[in-house]
Amino acid sequence: MAEPLDPGFGVYVHWPFCLAKCPYCDFNSHVRHHGVDEARFAAALTTEIRTLAEKVPGRRVGSIFLGGGTPSLMAPATVGAILDAIGGAWEVAPDVEVTLEANPTSVEAERFRGYRAAGVNRVSLGVQAMNDADLKALGRMHSVEDAMRAVDIARATFPRYSFDLIYARPGQTPQAWAAELESAIERASDHMSLYQLTIEPGTMFETLHKAGKLQIPDEDTAATLFEMTQEICDRHGRPAYEISNHAVPGGECRHNLLYWRYGEYAGVGPGAHGRLVMDGRRYATAATREPEKWLERVESWGDGIDTNDVLTPEEAGDELLLMGLRLTEGIDLRRYRKISGRPLDPSRLSDLIYHGMVEEISTDRVRATRAGAFVLDAVVADLAA
């Protein structure tokens, strides 16, 4: 039975392969110079979808997200097979949002038309920067010209498209970022994802940073860049609906809203995570990360999941806080009580409100302020304590 205020059900499919590993990326992505047996992986993804549907039958899919890795390296026929498998496993809403991530290096008009014919109705492009020097420094394999061509093809092919930019890059000034963002907005559709560069563990950037060979803007400059981003996007009618995501009203990514509203979703593919409700309990699932090991496991056992943990109400409540407070709409306190089995501590909540980190929107809804959003991990830790 669906919960009150239930945000719905979606499916995330992970295609783990890339042409090259970006030095800032800690996602589960892999390079295979000898090629990929795409038909074999497509068959395994189909098998895992069917297995997951047996565990959580009767769901209605409101959104599908093909992420990676680089899903735009898949043949359109592979994408079609995956979408057909989802449609055969669960009911799919007539207005389902189907997003595919794409890198400008792998964008071809014919391939994009194939994705559209397969059922993709939204594409997210990894543009990342609007100048060639910074693209090279980020390890990207495309140029600005490639990126803008990809944007034009996306505009002509799909009802909706989005693109990503990374800011707070090495040596980037607020003035340079403001000019770049203004230029990007001129090419944008209804949605943009704007991420601050962070040094992630296990990446090449972490190695360079520790060796003193890579410097990123200090905390004060990063805060200035964050505030500038909000102000420019607000002025252009693309307010933040989540810390790093901006959209015109109605242009929000429904699948990402599902995550941040702490909905239920099936994670399919190597390294994919999911949150599934079975027998009234919430499970955190994660699949084997290494693609060939995942493949062998699916072919032997029907799925590649190697983590399937029951979350305690307290753990689920903490996750809801961590995800929901990223949203401008905040969290519903009634749903928090239902999932966690307890209310938020009134004294801690009052203290955060007093210090301008959290604000009440209504009797049953609170959200992080802009100041609180910038230090969200500390805010969530305080509330969850």
Protein backbone atom coordinates (compact mmCIF):
# COMPACT_ATOMS: atom_id res chain seq x y z
CA MET A 1 0.00 0.00 0.00
CA ALA A 2 1.30 3.44 -0.89
CA GLU A 3 2.29 5.78 1.90
CA PRO A 4 0.62 9.15 2.39
CA LEU A 5 2.54 11.72 0.34
CA ASP A 6 4.18 8.87 -1.57
CA PRO A 7 6.48 10.35 -4.25
CA GLY A 8 6.09 7.32 -6.49
CA PHE A 9 8.32 4.71 -8.14
CA GLY A 10 11.07 4.96 -10.71
CA VAL A 11 13.80 2.89 -12.35
CA TYR A 12 17.48 3.80 -12.60
CA VAL A 13 19.59 1.89 -15.16
CA HIS A 14 23.37 2.18 -15.00
CA TRP A 15 25.52 1.80 -18.13
CA PRO A 16 29.04 1.71 -16.66
CA PHE A 17 31.24 2.27 -19.71
CA CYS A 18 33.02 5.46 -20.82
CA LEU A 19 35.48 6.40 -23.54
CA ALA A 20 37.85 7.72 -20.84
CA LYS A 21 37.84 8.21 -17.07
CA CYS A 22 37.49 11.86 -16.06
CA PRO A 23 40.00 12.84 -13.36
CA TYR A 24 37.33 14.33 -11.05
CA CYS A 25 34.83 11.48 -11.37
CA ASP A 26 34.16 8.93 -8.61
CA PHE A 27 31.17 7.32 -10.32
CA ASN A 28 31.19 3.64 -11.21
CA SER A 29 32.61 4.07 -14.72
CA HIS A 30 34.98 1.85 -16.66
CA VAL A 31 36.95 2.00 -19.90
CA ARG A 32 37.06 -1.11 -22.10
CA HIS A 33 39.48 -0.62 -24.98
CA HIS A 34 38.74 -4.11 -26.27
CA GLY A 35 35.05 -3.26 -26.66
CA VAL A 36 31.86 -4.26 -24.86
CA ASP A 37 29.57 -7.19 -25.61
CA GLU A 38 26.54 -4.93 -25.71
CA ALA A 39 24.04 -7.66 -26.56
CA ARG A 40 25.14 -9.70 -23.55
CA PHE A 41 24.88 -6.73 -21.20
CA ALA A 42 21.46 -5.80 -22.64
CA ALA A 43 20.22 -9.34 -21.99
CA ALA A 44 21.53 -9.19 -18.40
CA LEU A 45 19.89 -5.81 -17.77
CA THR A 46 16.62 -7.27 -19.02
CA THR A 47 17.03 -10.25 -16.70
CA GLU A 48 17.74 -8.07 -13.68
CA ILE A 49 14.70 -5.89 -14.41
CA ARG A 50 12.48 -8.98 -14.44
CA THR A 51 13.98 -10.28 -11.20
CA LEU A 52 13.47 -6.96 -9.43
CA ALA A 53 9.87 -6.81 -10.68
CA GLU A 54 9.22 -10.18 -9.04
CA LYS A 55 10.41 -8.68 -5.75
CA VAL A 56 8.36 -5.48 -6.05
CA PRO A 57 5.40 -6.25 -8.34
CA GLY A 58 2.50 -3.96 -9.03
CA ARG A 59 4.45 -0.72 -9.20
CA ARG A 60 3.66 2.12 -11.60
CA VAL A 61 6.78 3.62 -13.16
CA GLY A 62 6.68 7.42 -13.27
CA SER A 63 10.27 8.02 -14.35
CA ILE A 64 13.22 6.16 -15.87
CA PHE A 65 16.80 7.40 -15.85
CA LEU A 66 19.58 5.90 -17.96
CA GLY A 67 22.81 7.02 -16.28
CA GLY A 68 26.45 6.10 -16.17
CA GLY A 69 29.10 5.93 -17.30
CA THR A 70 28.06 7.11 -20.73
CA PRO A 71 24.67 5.68 -21.75
CA SER A 72 24.90 7.49 -25.09
CA LEU A 73 27.52 4.90 -26.07
CA MET A 74 24.69 2.36 -26.23
CA ALA A 75 23.06 1.56 -29.52
CA PRO A 76 19.47 2.82 -29.76
CA ALA A 77 18.32 -0.80 -30.07
CA THR A 78 19.85 -1.53 -26.65
CA VAL A 79 18.02 1.40 -25.11
CA GLY A 80 14.83 0.19 -26.74
CA ALA A 81 15.31 -3.32 -25.31
CA ILE A 82 15.82 -1.90 -21.80
CA LEU A 83 12.72 0.27 -22.02
CA ASP A 84 10.69 -2.64 -23.41
CA ALA A 85 11.83 -4.78 -20.48
CA ILE A 86 10.71 -2.13 -17.98
CA GLY A 87 7.36 -1.85 -19.76
CA GLY A 88 6.93 -5.60 -19.60
CA ALA A 89 7.83 -5.78 -15.90
CA TRP A 90 5.73 -2.95 -14.46
CA GLU A 91 2.94 -0.63 -15.49
CA VAL A 92 4.43 2.51 -17.02
CA ALA A 93 2.66 5.86 -16.67
CA PRO A 94 1.51 7.35 -19.99
CA ASP A 95 3.46 10.54 -19.23
CA VAL A 96 6.58 8.73 -17.98
CA GLU A 97 9.76 10.81 -18.02
CA VAL A 98 12.62 8.90 -19.70
CA THR A 99 16.01 10.59 -19.36
CA LEU A 100 19.28 9.53 -20.99
CA GLU A 101 22.65 11.00 -20.03
CA ALA A 102 24.91 11.85 -22.95
CA ASN A 103 28.41 13.18 -23.45
CA PRO A 104 28.93 15.59 -26.36
CA THR A 105 31.65 13.31 -27.76
CA SER A 106 29.08 10.57 -28.41
CA VAL A 107 26.27 12.72 -29.83
CA GLU A 108 25.15 12.04 -33.36
CA ALA A 109 21.87 13.23 -34.84
CA GLU A 110 20.97 9.79 -36.18
CA ARG A 111 21.72 8.11 -32.85
CA PHE A 112 19.64 10.73 -31.00
CA ARG A 113 16.72 10.12 -33.35
CA GLY A 114 17.08 6.42 -32.56
CA TYR A 115 16.87 7.12 -28.82
CA ARG A 116 13.80 9.26 -29.36
CA ALA A 117 12.15 6.48 -31.37
CA ALA A 118 13.01 4.02 -28.58
CA GLY A 119 11.09 6.12 -26.05
CA VAL A 120 13.61 8.57 -24.57
CA ASN A 121 11.93 11.97 -24.11
CA ARG A 122 14.56 13.88 -22.14
CA VAL A 123 18.35 14.06 -22.48
CA SER A 124 20.95 15.37 -20.04
CA LEU A 125 24.21 16.54 -21.61
CA GLY A 126 27.54 16.60 -19.78
CA VAL A 127 28.78 19.95 -21.14
CA GLN A 128 30.73 20.79 -17.91
CA ALA A 129 32.48 23.97 -19.13
CA MET A 130 32.07 26.64 -21.77
CA ASN A 131 35.74 27.12 -22.65
CA ASP A 132 38.15 24.67 -24.21
CA ALA A 133 41.04 25.20 -21.79
CA ASP A 134 38.92 24.22 -18.80
CA LEU A 135 37.38 21.30 -20.66
CA LYS A 136 40.90 19.98 -21.27
CA ALA A 137 41.82 20.53 -17.60
CA LEU A 138 38.71 18.56 -16.59
CA GLY A 139 39.81 15.68 -18.80
CA ARG A 140 36.85 16.07 -21.15
CA MET A 141 37.18 14.79 -24.69
CA HIS A 142 34.89 17.33 -26.34
CA SER A 143 35.28 20.98 -27.30
CA VAL A 144 32.84 23.83 -26.72
CA GLU A 145 31.92 23.57 -30.39
CA ASP A 146 31.10 19.86 -29.91
CA ALA A 147 29.01 20.68 -26.85
CA MET A 148 26.98 23.40 -28.55
CA ARG A 149 26.38 21.14 -31.54
CA ALA A 150 25.10 18.48 -29.13
CA VAL A 151 22.80 21.03 -27.50
CA ASP A 152 21.40 21.99 -30.92
CA ILE A 153 20.79 18.34 -31.82
CA ALA A 154 19.11 17.72 -28.47
CA ARG A 155 16.87 20.76 -28.93
CA ALA A 156 15.79 19.51 -32.35
CA THR A 157 15.19 15.92 -31.24
CA PHE A 158 13.73 15.80 -27.71
CA PRO A 159 10.84 17.55 -26.01
CA ARG A 160 13.13 18.37 -23.09
CA TYR A 161 16.87 18.60 -22.54
CA SER A 162 19.24 19.70 -19.80
CA PHE A 163 22.97 20.20 -19.49
CA ASP A 164 25.51 20.17 -16.68
CA LEU A 165 28.22 22.66 -15.81
CA ILE A 166 30.94 22.40 -13.18
CA TYR A 167 32.07 25.58 -11.43
CA ALA A 168 34.59 26.51 -8.72
CA ARG A 169 37.19 25.15 -11.12
CA PRO A 170 40.92 25.75 -10.63
CA GLY A 171 41.69 29.44 -11.15
CA GLN A 172 38.07 30.37 -11.88
CA THR A 173 37.08 33.85 -10.74
CA PRO A 174 33.54 34.98 -9.88
CA GLN A 175 33.60 37.34 -12.87
CA ALA A 176 34.58 34.56 -15.28
CA TRP A 177 31.91 32.23 -13.89
CA ALA A 178 29.22 34.92 -14.13
CA ALA A 179 30.01 35.49 -17.81
CA GLU A 180 30.09 31.74 -18.51
CA LEU A 181 26.78 31.12 -16.74
CA GLU A 182 25.06 33.99 -18.57
CA SER A 183 26.27 32.51 -21.87
CA ALA A 184 25.10 29.03 -20.90
CA ILE A 185 21.63 30.22 -19.93
CA GLU A 186 21.18 31.61 -23.43
CA ARG A 187 21.55 28.04 -24.75
CA ALA A 188 19.61 26.32 -21.98
CA SER A 189 16.16 24.81 -22.12
CA ASP A 190 14.02 24.33 -19.03
CA HIS A 191 16.69 22.79 -16.78
CA MET A 192 20.37 23.12 -15.80
CA SER A 193 22.53 21.22 -13.31
CA LEU A 194 25.30 23.40 -11.83
CA TYR A 195 27.76 21.55 -9.61
CA GLN A 196 30.62 22.89 -7.53
CA LEU A 197 33.83 20.98 -8.19
CA THR A 198 34.73 18.83 -5.21
CA ILE A 199 37.79 16.67 -4.67
CA GLU A 200 36.47 13.12 -4.41
CA PRO A 201 38.37 10.24 -2.77
CA GLY A 202 40.13 7.86 -5.13
CA THR A 203 40.18 10.24 -8.10
CA MET A 204 43.15 11.58 -10.04
CA PHE A 205 42.20 15.07 -8.85
CA GLU A 206 42.59 13.89 -5.25
CA THR A 207 46.13 12.67 -6.03
CA LEU A 208 47.02 15.98 -7.69
CA HIS A 209 45.41 18.00 -4.90
CA LYS A 210 47.34 16.16 -2.20
CA ALA A 211 50.56 16.71 -4.14
CA GLY A 212 49.89 20.46 -4.31
CA LYS A 213 49.51 20.34 -8.10
CA LEU A 214 45.82 21.23 -8.16
CA GLN A 215 44.24 24.16 -6.33
CA ILE A 216 40.52 24.89 -6.22
CA PRO A 217 38.88 28.09 -4.94
CA ASP A 218 38.94 28.52 -1.16
CA GLU A 219 35.77 28.27 0.94
CA ASP A 220 34.99 32.00 0.82
CA THR A 221 35.34 32.12 -2.96
CA ALA A 222 33.26 28.95 -3.28
CA ALA A 223 30.52 30.57 -1.17
CA THR A 224 30.62 33.67 -3.39
CA LEU A 225 30.33 31.49 -6.50
CA PHE A 226 27.38 29.61 -4.96
CA GLU A 227 25.52 32.84 -4.12
CA MET A 228 26.27 34.27 -7.57
CA THR A 229 24.89 31.12 -9.19
CA GLN A 230 21.62 31.41 -7.28
CA GLU A 231 21.23 35.12 -8.07
CA ILE A 232 21.93 34.82 -11.80
CA CYS A 233 19.60 31.84 -12.22
CA ASP A 234 16.87 33.55 -10.20
CA ARG A 235 17.14 36.60 -12.42
CA HIS A 236 16.71 34.45 -15.52
CA GLY A 237 13.65 32.60 -14.18
CA ARG A 238 15.51 29.38 -13.34
CA PRO A 239 15.46 29.22 -9.55
CA ALA A 240 17.10 26.36 -7.68
CA TYR A 241 14.64 23.62 -6.82
CA GLU A 242 17.54 21.64 -5.34
CA ILE A 243 20.99 22.79 -4.24
CA SER A 244 22.63 22.12 -7.62
CA ASN A 245 19.65 22.01 -9.96
CA HIS A 246 17.78 24.89 -11.55
CA ALA A 247 14.65 24.88 -13.67
CA VAL A 248 11.85 27.01 -14.98
CA PRO A 249 8.64 26.16 -13.07
CA GLY A 250 7.50 22.76 -14.32
CA GLY A 251 10.88 21.95 -15.84
CA GLU A 252 12.22 20.02 -12.86
CA CYS A 253 13.67 16.54 -13.44
CA ARG A 254 10.97 14.23 -12.10
CA HIS A 255 13.34 11.32 -11.60
CA ASN A 256 15.76 13.31 -9.48
CA LEU A 257 12.82 14.69 -7.49
CA LEU A 258 11.93 11.07 -6.77
CA TYR A 259 15.34 10.60 -5.10
CA TRP A 260 15.22 13.83 -3.13
CA ARG A 261 11.65 13.21 -2.01
CA TYR A 262 12.87 9.81 -0.80
CA GLY A 263 10.70 7.76 -3.09
CA GLU A 264 11.05 4.14 -4.11
CA TYR A 265 13.24 3.17 -7.04
CA ALA A 266 14.80 0.08 -8.55
CA GLY A 267 18.53 0.26 -9.31
CA VAL A 268 19.52 -1.82 -12.34
CA GLY A 269 23.02 -2.47 -13.64
CA PRO A 270 26.58 -2.62 -12.27
CA GLY A 271 26.96 -0.60 -9.09
CA ALA A 272 23.37 0.68 -9.19
CA HIS A 273 21.72 1.58 -5.88
CA GLY A 274 18.02 1.23 -5.11
CA ARG A 275 15.49 1.87 -2.36
CA LEU A 276 12.70 -0.68 -2.34
CA VAL A 277 9.80 -1.27 0.04
CA MET A 278 9.06 -4.96 0.62
CA ASP A 279 6.74 -6.36 3.30
CA GLY A 280 6.42 -2.91 4.80
CA ARG A 281 10.18 -2.51 5.26
CA ARG A 282 12.54 -0.23 3.35
CA TYR A 283 15.58 -1.90 1.77
CA ALA A 284 18.81 -0.35 0.53
CA THR A 285 20.11 -2.32 -2.44
CA ALA A 286 23.43 -2.07 -4.28
CA ALA A 287 24.75 -4.16 -7.14
CA THR A 288 28.24 -5.49 -7.75
CA ARG A 289 30.31 -2.62 -9.17
CA GLU A 290 32.71 -4.44 -11.51
CA PRO A 291 30.80 -4.87 -14.80
CA GLU A 292 31.99 -8.35 -15.77
CA LYS A 293 31.44 -9.71 -12.25
CA TRP A 294 27.96 -8.18 -12.25
CA LEU A 295 27.30 -9.81 -15.62
CA GLU A 296 28.32 -13.25 -14.41
CA ARG A 297 26.26 -12.89 -11.25
CA VAL A 298 23.12 -11.90 -13.17
CA GLU A 299 23.54 -14.78 -15.58
CA SER A 300 23.92 -17.19 -12.66
CA TRP A 301 21.47 -15.76 -10.10
CA GLY A 302 19.08 -13.44 -11.93
CA ASP A 303 20.38 -10.21 -10.41
CA GLY A 304 23.70 -8.59 -9.52
CA ILE A 305 22.67 -7.28 -6.11
CA ASP A 306 25.23 -7.95 -3.38
CA THR A 307 23.82 -5.55 -0.75
CA ASN A 308 20.22 -5.85 0.38
CA ASP A 309 19.97 -4.24 3.81
CA VAL A 310 16.85 -3.48 5.81
CA LEU A 311 16.97 0.12 6.97
CA THR A 312 15.88 0.85 10.51
CA PRO A 313 13.26 3.62 10.85
CA GLU A 314 15.99 5.87 12.24
CA GLU A 315 18.28 5.20 9.25
CA ALA A 316 15.43 5.82 6.82
CA GLY A 317 14.58 9.06 8.59
CA ASP A 318 18.19 10.22 8.37
CA GLU A 319 18.21 9.50 4.63
CA LEU A 320 14.98 11.42 4.17
CA LEU A 321 16.57 14.42 5.92
CA LEU A 322 19.75 14.19 3.86
CA MET A 323 17.85 14.03 0.59
CA GLY A 324 14.81 16.20 1.33
CA LEU A 325 16.64 19.16 2.81
CA ARG A 326 18.45 19.57 -0.52
CA LEU A 327 15.11 20.64 -1.98
CA THR A 328 13.75 24.17 -2.00
CA GLU A 329 10.37 22.64 -1.13
CA GLY A 330 11.95 21.04 1.96
CA ILE A 331 10.53 18.07 3.82
CA ASP A 332 7.08 17.22 5.14
CA LEU A 333 7.33 16.65 8.88
CA ARG A 334 4.37 14.26 8.85
CA ARG A 335 6.14 11.98 6.39
CA TYR A 336 9.34 12.21 8.41
CA ARG A 337 7.45 11.06 11.52
CA LYS A 338 5.82 8.20 9.60
CA ILE A 339 9.10 6.92 8.16
CA SER A 340 11.38 7.49 11.16
CA GLY A 341 8.85 6.73 13.89
CA ARG A 342 9.71 9.95 15.74
CA PRO A 343 9.40 13.72 15.32
CA LEU A 344 12.36 15.99 14.79
CA ASP A 345 13.82 17.24 18.07
CA PRO A 346 11.99 20.57 18.65
CA SER A 347 14.92 22.18 20.45
CA ARG A 348 17.43 21.33 17.71
CA LEU A 349 15.01 22.49 15.02
CA SER A 350 14.36 25.75 16.89
CA ASP A 351 18.08 26.35 17.33
CA LEU A 352 18.75 25.88 13.59
CA ILE A 353 15.86 28.20 12.75
CA TYR A 354 17.21 30.81 15.20
CA HIS A 355 20.65 30.67 13.56
CA GLY A 356 19.20 31.02 10.06
CA MET A 357 20.07 27.53 8.82
CA VAL A 358 16.50 26.20 8.56
CA GLU A 359 13.14 27.90 8.05
CA GLU A 360 9.51 26.90 8.42
CA ILE A 361 7.46 27.04 5.23
CA SER A 362 4.22 25.93 6.87
CA THR A 363 3.05 24.07 9.95
CA ASP A 364 4.20 20.74 8.51
CA ARG A 365 7.10 21.70 6.25
CA VAL A 366 10.64 22.97 6.81
CA ARG A 367 13.59 23.60 4.51
CA ALA A 368 17.22 24.61 4.62
CA THR A 369 17.93 28.27 3.97
CA ARG A 370 20.57 29.24 1.41
CA ALA A 371 23.06 29.60 4.23
CA GLY A 372 22.03 26.19 5.56
CA ALA A 373 22.21 24.61 2.12
CA PHE A 374 25.85 25.58 1.82
CA VAL A 375 26.67 23.61 5.02
CA LEU A 376 23.93 21.01 4.63
CA ASP A 377 25.89 18.05 5.98
CA ALA A 378 26.33 19.86 9.32
CA VAL A 379 22.64 20.83 9.41
CA VAL A 380 21.52 17.25 8.78
CA ALA A 381 23.98 15.89 11.37
CA ASP A 382 22.56 18.26 13.95
CA LEU A 383 18.95 17.37 13.21
CA ALA A 384 19.64 13.64 13.04
CA ALA A 385 21.58 13.50 16.31
